[in-house]
């Protein structure tokens, strides 16, 4: 690893740490805090979707991770993009942004 790569990695870590510090929230046990990605604005054919017809996003970025359970380590890390169930998790609104708090078991896949 050269110093350019190390510098970029350090910058990304600093960005993630600043996001976590700005939130001032630490999930407990096997819980994960996720920032949902924006819903699709238009279809593949180019039609715009009205706000009333948009579906809830099922993909998001992990913002914070708990320490895990006694016999189970966490498999997701901060910065991972994950897929989750449509109605899973608890919706939170912190500092004007929307987040989802859910257990790691509710996460279906890491993208």
PDB file of N, CA and C in Angstrom:
ATOM      1  N   UNK A   1       0.849  -1.167   0.000  1.00  0.00           N
ATOM      2  CA  UNK A   1       0.000   0.000   0.000  1.00  0.00           C
ATOM      3  C   UNK A   1       0.899   1.236   0.000  1.00  0.00           C
ATOM      4  N   UNK A   2       0.697   2.113  -0.965  1.00  0.00           N
ATOM      5  CA  UNK A   2       1.497   3.332  -1.000  1.00  0.00           C
ATOM      6  C   UNK A   2       0.836   4.420  -0.153  1.00  0.00           C
ATOM      7  N   UNK A   3       1.503   5.551  -0.011  1.00  0.00           N
ATOM      8  CA  UNK A   3       0.996   6.588   0.880  1.00  0.00           C
ATOM      9  C   UNK A   3      -0.235   7.274   0.314  1.00  0.00           C
ATOM     10  N   UNK A   4      -0.450   7.244  -1.020  1.00  0.00           N
ATOM     11  CA  UNK A   4      -1.664   7.835  -1.599  1.00  0.00           C
ATOM     12  C   UNK A   4      -2.893   7.029  -1.180  1.00  0.00           C
ATOM     13  N   UNK A   5      -2.793   5.714  -1.274  1.00  0.00           N
ATOM     14  CA  UNK A   5      -3.902   4.845  -0.886  1.00  0.00           C
ATOM     15  C   UNK A   5      -4.178   4.998   0.602  1.00  0.00           C
ATOM     16  N   UNK A   6      -3.126   5.046   1.406  1.00  0.00           N
ATOM     17  CA  UNK A   6      -3.300   5.198   2.848  1.00  0.00           C
ATOM     18  C   UNK A   6      -3.995   6.522   3.164  1.00  0.00           C
ATOM     19  N   UNK A   7      -3.618   7.577   2.461  1.00  0.00           N
ATOM     20  CA  UNK A   7      -4.228   8.891   2.675  1.00  0.00           C
ATOM     21  C   UNK A   7      -5.709   8.884   2.342  1.00  0.00           C
ATOM     22  N   UNK A   8      -6.094   8.220   1.238  1.00  0.00           N
ATOM     23  CA  UNK A   8      -7.507   8.137   0.864  1.00  0.00           C
ATOM     24  C   UNK A   8      -8.295   7.331   1.886  1.00  0.00           C
ATOM     25  N   UNK A   9      -7.697   6.212   2.349  1.00  0.00           N
ATOM     26  CA  UNK A   9      -8.379   5.397   3.355  1.00  0.00           C
ATOM     27  C   UNK A   9      -8.548   6.193   4.646  1.00  0.00           C
ATOM     28  N   UNK A  10      -7.524   6.930   5.031  1.00  0.00           N
ATOM     29  CA  UNK A  10      -7.586   7.722   6.251  1.00  0.00           C
ATOM     30  C   UNK A  10      -8.655   8.808   6.122  1.00  0.00           C
ATOM     31  N   UNK A  11      -8.775   9.427   4.923  1.00  0.00           N
ATOM     32  CA  UNK A  11      -9.790  10.441   4.691  1.00  0.00           C
ATOM     33  C   UNK A  11     -11.185   9.850   4.827  1.00  0.00           C
ATOM     34  N   UNK A  12     -11.403   8.649   4.236  1.00  0.00           N
ATOM     35  CA  UNK A  12     -12.715   8.007   4.333  1.00  0.00           C
ATOM     36  C   UNK A  12     -13.036   7.648   5.776  1.00  0.00           C
ATOM     37  N   UNK A  13     -12.058   7.153   6.522  1.00  0.00           N
ATOM     38  CA  UNK A  13     -12.280   6.838   7.931  1.00  0.00           C
ATOM     39  C   UNK A  13     -12.619   8.097   8.715  1.00  0.00           C
ATOM     40  N   UNK A  14     -11.935   9.201   8.415  1.00  0.00           N
ATOM     41  CA  UNK A  14     -12.235  10.456   9.095  1.00  0.00           C
ATOM     42  C   UNK A  14     -13.646  10.927   8.772  1.00  0.00           C
ATOM     43  N   UNK A  15     -14.084  10.743   7.511  1.00  0.00           N
ATOM     44  CA  UNK A  15     -15.439  11.101   7.121  1.00  0.00           C
ATOM     45  C   UNK A  15     -16.448  10.283   7.913  1.00  0.00           C
ATOM     46  N   UNK A  16     -16.246   8.965   7.978  1.00  0.00           N
ATOM     47  CA  UNK A  16     -17.171   8.101   8.706  1.00  0.00           C
ATOM     48  C   UNK A  16     -17.186   8.433  10.190  1.00  0.00           C
ATOM     49  N   UNK A  17     -16.018   8.698  10.761  1.00  0.00           N
ATOM     50  CA  UNK A  17     -15.960   9.053  12.170  1.00  0.00           C
ATOM     51  C   UNK A  17     -16.688  10.361  12.439  1.00  0.00           C
ATOM     52  N   UNK A  18     -16.573  11.322  11.524  1.00  0.00           N
ATOM     53  CA  UNK A  18     -17.269  12.590  11.719  1.00  0.00           C
ATOM     54  C   UNK A  18     -18.775  12.399  11.648  1.00  0.00           C
ATOM     55  N   UNK A  19     -19.246  11.489  10.795  1.00  0.00           N
ATOM     56  CA  UNK A  19     -20.679  11.203  10.719  1.00  0.00           C
ATOM     57  C   UNK A  19     -21.146  10.585  12.029  1.00  0.00           C
ATOM     58  N   UNK A  20     -20.387   9.627  12.541  1.00  0.00           N
ATOM     59  CA  UNK A  20     -20.764   8.962  13.784  1.00  0.00           C
ATOM     60  C   UNK A  20     -20.735   9.957  14.943  1.00  0.00           C
ATOM     61  N   UNK A  21     -19.713  10.793  15.004  1.00  0.00           N
ATOM     62  CA  UNK A  21     -19.618  11.762  16.084  1.00  0.00           C
ATOM     63  C   UNK A  21     -20.746  12.786  15.994  1.00  0.00           C
ATOM     64  N   UNK A  22     -21.145  13.148  14.775  1.00  0.00           N
ATOM     65  CA  UNK A  22     -22.236  14.103  14.612  1.00  0.00           C
ATOM     66  C   UNK A  22     -23.548  13.501  15.094  1.00  0.00           C
ATOM     67  N   UNK A  23     -23.724  12.198  14.923  1.00  0.00           N
ATOM     68  CA  UNK A  23     -24.959  11.555  15.346  1.00  0.00           C
ATOM     69  C   UNK A  23     -25.023  11.391  16.859  1.00  0.00           C
ATOM     70  N   UNK A  24     -23.901  11.121  17.490  1.00  0.00           N
ATOM     71  CA  UNK A  24     -23.829  10.875  18.923  1.00  0.00           C
ATOM     72  C   UNK A  24     -24.794   9.772  19.344  1.00  0.00           C
ATOM     73  N   UNK A  25     -24.820   8.704  18.568  1.00  0.00           N
ATOM     74  CA  UNK A  25     -25.675   7.566  18.893  1.00  0.00           C
ATOM     75  C   UNK A  25     -24.869   6.296  18.655  1.00  0.00           C
ATOM     76  N   UNK A  26     -24.916   5.377  19.600  1.00  0.00           N
ATOM     77  CA  UNK A  26     -24.210   4.110  19.486  1.00  0.00           C
ATOM     78  C   UNK A  26     -25.216   2.991  19.686  1.00  0.00           C
ATOM     79  N   UNK A  27     -25.476   2.180  18.649  1.00  0.00           N
ATOM     80  CA  UNK A  27     -26.407   1.059  18.807  1.00  0.00           C
ATOM     81  C   UNK A  27     -25.886   0.060  19.839  1.00  0.00           C
ATOM     82  N   UNK A  28     -26.804  -0.550  20.554  1.00  0.00           N
ATOM     83  CA  UNK A  28     -26.453  -1.548  21.562  1.00  0.00           C
ATOM     84  C   UNK A  28     -26.582  -2.951  20.983  1.00  0.00           C
ATOM     85  N   UNK A  29     -25.882  -3.879  21.575  1.00  0.00           N
ATOM     86  CA  UNK A  29     -25.970  -5.304  21.253  1.00  0.00           C
ATOM     87  C   UNK A  29     -25.762  -5.552  19.761  1.00  0.00           C
ATOM     88  N   UNK A  30     -26.708  -6.223  19.111  1.00  0.00           N
ATOM     89  CA  UNK A  30     -26.551  -6.567  17.693  1.00  0.00           C
ATOM     90  C   UNK A  30     -27.371  -5.642  16.793  1.00  0.00           C
ATOM     91  N   UNK A  31     -27.570  -4.423  17.220  1.00  0.00           N
ATOM     92  CA  UNK A  31     -28.343  -3.474  16.417  1.00  0.00           C
ATOM     93  C   UNK A  31     -27.435  -2.683  15.491  1.00  0.00           C
ATOM     94  N   UNK A  32     -28.035  -2.222  14.384  1.00  0.00           N
ATOM     95  CA  UNK A  32     -27.309  -1.505  13.337  1.00  0.00           C
ATOM     96  C   UNK A  32     -28.110  -0.258  12.975  1.00  0.00           C
ATOM     97  N   UNK A  33     -27.439   0.875  12.796  1.00  0.00           N
ATOM     98  CA  UNK A  33     -28.080   2.105  12.346  1.00  0.00           C
ATOM     99  C   UNK A  33     -27.801   2.265  10.859  1.00  0.00           C
ATOM    100  N   UNK A  34     -28.866   2.397  10.067  1.00  0.00           N
ATOM    101  CA  UNK A  34     -28.751   2.442   8.610  1.00  0.00           C
ATOM    102  C   UNK A  34     -29.356   3.729   8.077  1.00  0.00           C
ATOM    103  N   UNK A  35     -28.668   4.328   7.123  1.00  0.00           N
ATOM    104  CA  UNK A  35     -29.201   5.486   6.403  1.00  0.00           C
ATOM    105  C   UNK A  35     -29.773   4.977   5.081  1.00  0.00           C
ATOM    106  N   UNK A  36     -31.111   5.004   4.921  1.00  0.00           N
ATOM    107  CA  UNK A  36     -31.711   4.486   3.683  1.00  0.00           C
ATOM    108  C   UNK A  36     -31.295   5.310   2.466  1.00  0.00           C
ATOM    109  N   UNK A  37     -31.133   4.634   1.339  1.00  0.00           N
ATOM    110  CA  UNK A  37     -30.835   5.331   0.089  1.00  0.00           C
ATOM    111  C   UNK A  37     -32.114   5.944  -0.458  1.00  0.00           C
ATOM    112  N   UNK A  38     -31.966   6.922  -1.292  1.00  0.00           N
ATOM    113  CA  UNK A  38     -33.123   7.618  -1.859  1.00  0.00           C
ATOM    114  C   UNK A  38     -33.931   6.680  -2.749  1.00  0.00           C
ATOM    115  N   UNK A  39     -35.240   6.870  -2.744  1.00  0.00           N
ATOM    116  CA  UNK A  39     -36.130   6.068  -3.587  1.00  0.00           C
ATOM    117  C   UNK A  39     -35.950   6.476  -5.054  1.00  0.00           C
ATOM    118  N   UNK A  40     -36.282   5.566  -5.945  1.00  0.00           N
ATOM    119  CA  UNK A  40     -36.174   5.826  -7.375  1.00  0.00           C
ATOM    120  C   UNK A  40     -37.061   7.001  -7.771  1.00  0.00           C
ATOM    121  N   UNK A  41     -36.531   7.896  -8.599  1.00  0.00           N
ATOM    122  CA  UNK A  41     -37.283   9.054  -9.071  1.00  0.00           C
ATOM    123  C   UNK A  41     -38.057   8.773 -10.350  1.00  0.00           C
ATOM    124  N   UNK A  42     -37.481   7.862 -11.179  1.00  0.00           N
ATOM    125  CA  UNK A  42     -38.184   7.531 -12.417  1.00  0.00           C
ATOM    126  C   UNK A  42     -37.943   6.072 -12.777  1.00  0.00           C
ATOM    127  N   UNK A  43     -38.821   5.540 -13.638  1.00  0.00           N
ATOM    128  CA  UNK A  43     -38.739   4.141 -14.034  1.00  0.00           C
ATOM    129  C   UNK A  43     -37.657   3.937 -15.076  1.00  0.00           C
ATOM    130  N   UNK A  44     -37.406   2.681 -15.422  1.00  0.00           N
ATOM    131  CA  UNK A  44     -36.394   2.364 -16.439  1.00  0.00           C
ATOM    132  C   UNK A  44     -36.778   2.930 -17.800  1.00  0.00           C
ATOM    133  N   UNK A  45     -38.067   3.072 -18.048  1.00  0.00           N
ATOM    134  CA  UNK A  45     -38.512   3.607 -19.344  1.00  0.00           C
ATOM    135  C   UNK A  45     -38.522   5.126 -19.364  1.00  0.00           C
ATOM    136  N   UNK A  46     -38.237   5.779 -18.229  1.00  0.00           N
ATOM    137  CA  UNK A  46     -38.119   7.227 -18.206  1.00  0.00           C
ATOM    138  C   UNK A  46     -39.314   7.960 -17.626  1.00  0.00           C
ATOM    139  N   UNK A  47     -40.311   7.247 -17.122  1.00  0.00           N
ATOM    140  CA  UNK A  47     -41.477   7.897 -16.519  1.00  0.00           C
ATOM    141  C   UNK A  47     -41.152   8.307 -15.087  1.00  0.00           C
ATOM    142  N   UNK A  48     -41.531   9.522 -14.708  1.00  0.00           N
ATOM    143  CA  UNK A  48     -41.299   9.990 -13.348  1.00  0.00           C
ATOM    144  C   UNK A  48     -42.354   9.421 -12.414  1.00  0.00           C
ATOM    145  N   UNK A  49     -41.910   9.009 -11.221  1.00  0.00           N
ATOM    146  CA  UNK A  49     -42.794   8.403 -10.232  1.00  0.00           C
ATOM    147  C   UNK A  49     -43.244   9.488  -9.262  1.00  0.00           C
ATOM    148  N   UNK A  50     -44.562   9.666  -9.066  1.00  0.00           N
ATOM    149  CA  UNK A  50     -45.016  10.671  -8.089  1.00  0.00           C
ATOM    150  C   UNK A  50     -44.699  10.233  -6.656  1.00  0.00           C
ATOM    151  N   UNK A  51     -44.643  11.203  -5.758  1.00  0.00           N
ATOM    152  CA  UNK A  51     -44.297  10.904  -4.358  1.00  0.00           C
ATOM    153  C   UNK A  51     -45.259   9.916  -3.712  1.00  0.00           C
ATOM    154  N   UNK A  52     -46.515   9.947  -4.102  1.00  0.00           N
ATOM    155  CA  UNK A  52     -47.502   9.062  -3.490  1.00  0.00           C
ATOM    156  C   UNK A  52     -47.331   7.608  -3.921  1.00  0.00           C
ATOM    157  N   UNK A  53     -46.675   7.369  -5.038  1.00  0.00           N
ATOM    158  CA  UNK A  53     -46.532   6.008  -5.564  1.00  0.00           C
ATOM    159  C   UNK A  53     -45.155   5.405  -5.289  1.00  0.00           C
ATOM    160  N   UNK A  54     -44.238   6.160  -4.681  1.00  0.00           N
ATOM    161  CA  UNK A  54     -42.893   5.645  -4.426  1.00  0.00           C
ATOM    162  C   UNK A  54     -42.933   4.561  -3.351  1.00  0.00           C
ATOM    163  N   UNK A  55     -42.102   3.550  -3.535  1.00  0.00           N
ATOM    164  CA  UNK A  55     -41.978   2.482  -2.550  1.00  0.00           C
ATOM    165  C   UNK A  55     -40.856   2.816  -1.580  1.00  0.00           C
ATOM    166  N   UNK A  56     -40.938   2.204  -0.394  1.00  0.00           N
ATOM    167  CA  UNK A  56     -39.882   2.405   0.588  1.00  0.00           C
ATOM    168  C   UNK A  56     -38.586   1.790   0.060  1.00  0.00           C
ATOM    169  N   UNK A  57     -37.458   2.472   0.262  1.00  0.00           N
ATOM    170  CA  UNK A  57     -36.186   1.880  -0.179  1.00  0.00           C
ATOM    171  C   UNK A  57     -35.850   0.644   0.636  1.00  0.00           C
ATOM    172  N   UNK A  58     -35.177  -0.304   0.003  1.00  0.00           N
ATOM    173  CA  UNK A  58     -34.769  -1.530   0.686  1.00  0.00           C
ATOM    174  C   UNK A  58     -33.259  -1.666   0.704  1.00  0.00           C
ATOM    175  N   UNK A  59     -32.568  -0.582   0.447  1.00  0.00           N
ATOM    176  CA  UNK A  59     -31.116  -0.587   0.418  1.00  0.00           C
ATOM    177  C   UNK A  59     -30.635   0.638   1.176  1.00  0.00           C
ATOM    178  N   UNK A  60     -29.540   0.484   1.908  1.00  0.00           N
ATOM    179  CA  UNK A  60     -29.020   1.606   2.665  1.00  0.00           C
ATOM    180  C   UNK A  60     -27.568   1.403   3.053  1.00  0.00           C
ATOM    181  N   UNK A  61     -27.006   2.442   3.673  1.00  0.00           N
ATOM    182  CA  UNK A  61     -25.606   2.423   4.085  1.00  0.00           C
ATOM    183  C   UNK A  61     -25.546   2.345   5.607  1.00  0.00           C
ATOM    184  N   UNK A  62     -24.687   1.457   6.117  1.00  0.00           N
ATOM    185  CA  UNK A  62     -24.522   1.282   7.558  1.00  0.00           C
ATOM    186  C   UNK A  62     -23.748   2.477   8.110  1.00  0.00           C
ATOM    187  N   UNK A  63     -24.343   3.138   9.115  1.00  0.00           N
ATOM    188  CA  UNK A  63     -23.742   4.328   9.710  1.00  0.00           C
ATOM    189  C   UNK A  63     -23.079   4.006  11.046  1.00  0.00           C
ATOM    190  N   UNK A  64     -23.699   3.120  11.832  1.00  0.00           N
ATOM    191  CA  UNK A  64     -23.135   2.737  13.133  1.00  0.00           C
ATOM    192  C   UNK A  64     -23.510   1.286  13.427  1.00  0.00           C
ATOM    193  N   UNK A  65     -22.647   0.594  14.166  1.00  0.00           N
ATOM    194  CA  UNK A  65     -22.834  -0.826  14.464  1.00  0.00           C
ATOM    195  C   UNK A  65     -22.611  -1.046  15.950  1.00  0.00           C
ATOM    196  N   UNK A  66     -23.460  -1.897  16.560  1.00  0.00           N
ATOM    197  CA  UNK A  66     -23.278  -2.267  17.960  1.00  0.00           C
ATOM    198  C   UNK A  66     -22.114  -3.226  18.118  1.00  0.00           C
ATOM    199  N   UNK A  67     -21.835  -3.612  19.353  1.00  0.00           N
ATOM    200  CA  UNK A  67     -20.693  -4.487  19.632  1.00  0.00           C
ATOM    201  C   UNK A  67     -20.987  -5.964  19.392  1.00  0.00           C
ATOM    202  N   UNK A  68     -22.245  -6.332  19.221  1.00  0.00           N
ATOM    203  CA  UNK A  68     -22.599  -7.733  19.003  1.00  0.00           C
ATOM    204  C   UNK A  68     -22.983  -8.411  20.301  1.00  0.00           C
ATOM    205  N   UNK A  69     -23.421  -9.650  20.191  1.00  0.00           N
ATOM    206  CA  UNK A  69     -23.792 -10.429  21.371  1.00  0.00           C
ATOM    207  C   UNK A  69     -22.585 -11.189  21.896  1.00  0.00           C
ATOM    208  N   UNK A  70     -22.750 -11.820  23.017  1.00  0.00           N
ATOM    209  CA  UNK A  70     -21.646 -12.514  23.680  1.00  0.00           C
ATOM    210  C   UNK A  70     -21.013 -13.582  22.788  1.00  0.00           C
ATOM    211  N   UNK A  71     -21.830 -14.396  22.136  1.00  0.00           N
ATOM    212  CA  UNK A  71     -21.315 -15.494  21.322  1.00  0.00           C
ATOM    213  C   UNK A  71     -21.367 -15.212  19.827  1.00  0.00           C
ATOM    214  N   UNK A  72     -21.659 -13.975  19.449  1.00  0.00           N
ATOM    215  CA  UNK A  72     -21.859 -13.669  18.032  1.00  0.00           C
ATOM    216  C   UNK A  72     -21.207 -12.334  17.689  1.00  0.00           C
ATOM    217  N   UNK A  73     -20.215 -12.353  16.795  1.00  0.00           N
ATOM    218  CA  UNK A  73     -19.579 -11.128  16.326  1.00  0.00           C
ATOM    219  C   UNK A  73     -20.405 -10.529  15.197  1.00  0.00           C
ATOM    220  N   UNK A  74     -20.304  -9.231  15.024  1.00  0.00           N
ATOM    221  CA  UNK A  74     -21.035  -8.543  13.963  1.00  0.00           C
ATOM    222  C   UNK A  74     -20.349  -8.788  12.614  1.00  0.00           C
ATOM    223  N   UNK A  75     -21.145  -9.044  11.576  1.00  0.00           N
ATOM    224  CA  UNK A  75     -20.593  -9.279  10.241  1.00  0.00           C
ATOM    225  C   UNK A  75     -20.619  -8.027   9.388  1.00  0.00           C
ATOM    226  N   UNK A  76     -21.506  -7.077   9.697  1.00  0.00           N
ATOM    227  CA  UNK A  76     -21.548  -5.825   8.930  1.00  0.00           C
ATOM    228  C   UNK A  76     -20.628  -4.814   9.593  1.00  0.00           C
ATOM    229  N   UNK A  77     -20.103  -3.907   8.769  1.00  0.00           N
ATOM    230  CA  UNK A  77     -19.204  -2.864   9.248  1.00  0.00           C
ATOM    231  C   UNK A  77     -19.754  -1.510   8.823  1.00  0.00           C
ATOM    232  N   UNK A  78     -19.283  -0.468   9.451  1.00  0.00           N
ATOM    233  CA  UNK A  78     -19.661   0.886   9.073  1.00  0.00           C
ATOM    234  C   UNK A  78     -19.202   1.133   7.637  1.00  0.00           C
ATOM    235  N   UNK A  79     -20.105   1.661   6.820  1.00  0.00           N
ATOM    236  CA  UNK A  79     -19.792   1.944   5.428  1.00  0.00           C
ATOM    237  C   UNK A  79     -20.313   0.893   4.467  1.00  0.00           C
ATOM    238  N   UNK A  80     -20.731  -0.287   4.954  1.00  0.00           N
ATOM    239  CA  UNK A  80     -21.282  -1.329   4.080  1.00  0.00           C
ATOM    240  C   UNK A  80     -22.625  -0.888   3.512  1.00  0.00           C
ATOM    241  N   UNK A  81     -22.900  -1.282   2.281  1.00  0.00           N
ATOM    242  CA  UNK A  81     -24.214  -1.091   1.680  1.00  0.00           C
ATOM    243  C   UNK A  81     -24.966  -2.398   1.833  1.00  0.00           C
ATOM    244  N   UNK A  82     -26.160  -2.338   2.411  1.00  0.00           N
ATOM    245  CA  UNK A  82     -26.900  -3.549   2.748  1.00  0.00           C
ATOM    246  C   UNK A  82     -28.311  -3.520   2.170  1.00  0.00           C
ATOM    247  N   UNK A  83     -28.881  -4.719   2.027  1.00  0.00           N
ATOM    248  CA  UNK A  83     -30.283  -4.887   1.647  1.00  0.00           C
ATOM    249  C   UNK A  83     -31.041  -5.367   2.878  1.00  0.00           C
ATOM    250  N   UNK A  84     -32.244  -4.841   3.072  1.00  0.00           N
ATOM    251  CA  UNK A  84     -33.051  -5.234   4.225  1.00  0.00           C
ATOM    252  C   UNK A  84     -34.507  -5.342   3.802  1.00  0.00           C
ATOM    253  N   UNK A  85     -35.330  -5.927   4.658  1.00  0.00           N
ATOM    254  CA  UNK A  85     -36.744  -6.102   4.376  1.00  0.00           C
ATOM    255  C   UNK A  85     -37.465  -4.768   4.276  1.00  0.00           C
ATOM    256  N   UNK A  86     -38.551  -4.749   3.513  1.00  0.00           N
ATOM    257  CA  UNK A  86     -39.274  -3.513   3.253  1.00  0.00           C
ATOM    258  C   UNK A  86     -39.807  -2.865   4.531  1.00  0.00           C
ATOM    259  N   UNK A  87     -40.320  -3.650   5.455  1.00  0.00           N
ATOM    260  CA  UNK A  87     -40.920  -3.091   6.666  1.00  0.00           C
ATOM    261  C   UNK A  87     -40.129  -3.412   7.925  1.00  0.00           C
ATOM    262  N   UNK A  88     -38.850  -3.703   7.784  1.00  0.00           N
ATOM    263  CA  UNK A  88     -38.043  -4.041   8.956  1.00  0.00           C
ATOM    264  C   UNK A  88     -37.430  -2.780   9.559  1.00  0.00           C
ATOM    265  N   UNK A  89     -37.122  -2.856  10.834  1.00  0.00           N
ATOM    266  CA  UNK A  89     -36.452  -1.763  11.519  1.00  0.00           C
ATOM    267  C   UNK A  89     -37.403  -0.722  12.090  1.00  0.00           C
ATOM    268  N   UNK A  90     -36.829   0.158  12.899  1.00  0.00           N
ATOM    269  CA  UNK A  90     -37.548   1.259  13.508  1.00  0.00           C
ATOM    270  C   UNK A  90     -37.041   2.556  12.909  1.00  0.00           C
ATOM    271  N   UNK A  91     -37.952   3.383  12.427  1.00  0.00           N
ATOM    272  CA  UNK A  91     -37.557   4.643  11.797  1.00  0.00           C
ATOM    273  C   UNK A  91     -37.212   5.670  12.857  1.00  0.00           C
ATOM    274  N   UNK A  92     -36.076   6.368  12.649  1.00  0.00           N
ATOM    275  CA  UNK A  92     -35.619   7.433  13.542  1.00  0.00           C
ATOM    276  C   UNK A  92     -35.363   8.685  12.725  1.00  0.00           C
ATOM    277  N   UNK A  93     -35.571   9.833  13.338  1.00  0.00           N
ATOM    278  CA  UNK A  93     -35.254  11.100  12.693  1.00  0.00           C
ATOM    279  C   UNK A  93     -34.305  11.844  13.620  1.00  0.00           C
ATOM    280  N   UNK A  94     -33.054  12.017  13.187  1.00  0.00           N
ATOM    281  CA  UNK A  94     -32.034  12.696  13.977  1.00  0.00           C
ATOM    282  C   UNK A  94     -31.438  13.834  13.164  1.00  0.00           C
ATOM    283  N   UNK A  95     -31.455  15.029  13.720  1.00  0.00           N
ATOM    284  CA  UNK A  95     -30.882  16.206  13.067  1.00  0.00           C
ATOM    285  C   UNK A  95     -31.415  16.392  11.652  1.00  0.00           C
ATOM    286  N   UNK A  96     -32.687  16.120  11.434  1.00  0.00           N
ATOM    287  CA  UNK A  96     -33.310  16.328  10.132  1.00  0.00           C
ATOM    288  C   UNK A  96     -33.099  15.200   9.137  1.00  0.00           C
ATOM    289  N   UNK A  97     -32.311  14.201   9.471  1.00  0.00           N
ATOM    290  CA  UNK A  97     -32.075  13.069   8.566  1.00  0.00           C
ATOM    291  C   UNK A  97     -32.823  11.843   9.085  1.00  0.00           C
ATOM    292  N   UNK A  98     -33.224  10.968   8.166  1.00  0.00           N
ATOM    293  CA  UNK A  98     -33.952   9.760   8.542  1.00  0.00           C
ATOM    294  C   UNK A  98     -33.010   8.561   8.564  1.00  0.00           C
ATOM    295  N   UNK A  99     -33.176   7.714   9.580  1.00  0.00           N
ATOM    296  CA  UNK A  99     -32.368   6.518   9.757  1.00  0.00           C
ATOM    297  C   UNK A  99     -33.271   5.358  10.128  1.00  0.00           C
ATOM    298  N   UNK A 100     -32.736   4.152  10.021  1.00  0.00           N
ATOM    299  CA  UNK A 100     -33.418   2.946  10.467  1.00  0.00           C
ATOM    300  C   UNK A 100     -32.526   2.244  11.480  1.00  0.00           C
ATOM    301  N   UNK A 101     -33.118   1.832  12.604  1.00  0.00           N
ATOM    302  CA  UNK A 101     -32.400   1.029  13.588  1.00  0.00           C
ATOM    303  C   UNK A 101     -32.991  -0.368  13.517  1.00  0.00           C
ATOM    304  N   UNK A 102     -32.140  -1.362  13.277  1.00  0.00           N
ATOM    305  CA  UNK A 102     -32.625  -2.741  13.176  1.00  0.00           C
ATOM    306  C   UNK A 102     -31.572  -3.712  13.694  1.00  0.00           C
ATOM    307  N   UNK A 103     -32.026  -4.918  13.959  1.00  0.00           N
ATOM    308  CA  UNK A 103     -31.099  -5.974  14.371  1.00  0.00           C
ATOM    309  C   UNK A 103     -30.347  -6.485  13.141  1.00  0.00           C
ATOM    310  N   UNK A 104     -29.178  -7.024  13.380  1.00  0.00           N
ATOM    311  CA  UNK A 104     -28.381  -7.547  12.270  1.00  0.00           C
ATOM    312  C   UNK A 104     -29.114  -8.694  11.568  1.00  0.00           C
ATOM    313  N   UNK A 105     -29.946  -9.434  12.277  1.00  0.00           N
ATOM    314  CA  UNK A 105     -30.701 -10.544  11.678  1.00  0.00           C
ATOM    315  C   UNK A 105     -31.687 -10.063  10.621  1.00  0.00           C
ATOM    316  N   UNK A 106     -32.124  -8.793  10.701  1.00  0.00           N
ATOM    317  CA  UNK A 106     -33.057  -8.245   9.730  1.00  0.00           C
ATOM    318  C   UNK A 106     -32.398  -7.874   8.402  1.00  0.00           C
ATOM    319  N   UNK A 107     -31.078  -7.833   8.393  1.00  0.00           N
ATOM    320  CA  UNK A 107     -30.338  -7.503   7.168  1.00  0.00           C
ATOM    321  C   UNK A 107     -30.264  -8.757   6.307  1.00  0.00           C
ATOM    322  N   UNK A 108     -30.633  -8.604   5.037  1.00  0.00           N
ATOM    323  CA  UNK A 108     -30.685  -9.754   4.140  1.00  0.00           C
ATOM    324  C   UNK A 108     -29.358 -10.026   3.434  1.00  0.00           C
ATOM    325  N   UNK A 109     -28.644  -8.959   3.028  1.00  0.00           N
ATOM    326  CA  UNK A 109     -27.402  -9.156   2.274  1.00  0.00           C
ATOM    327  C   UNK A 109     -26.532  -7.911   2.345  1.00  0.00           C
ATOM    328  N   UNK A 110     -25.249  -8.103   2.136  1.00  0.00           N
ATOM    329  CA  UNK A 110     -24.305  -7.002   1.972  1.00  0.00           C
ATOM    330  C   UNK A 110     -24.019  -6.894   0.480  1.00  0.00           C
ATOM    331  N   UNK A 111     -24.188  -5.695  -0.062  1.00  0.00           N
ATOM    332  CA  UNK A 111     -23.988  -5.491  -1.507  1.00  0.00           C
ATOM    333  C   UNK A 111     -22.554  -5.086  -1.763  1.00  0.00           C
TER     334      UNK A 111
END
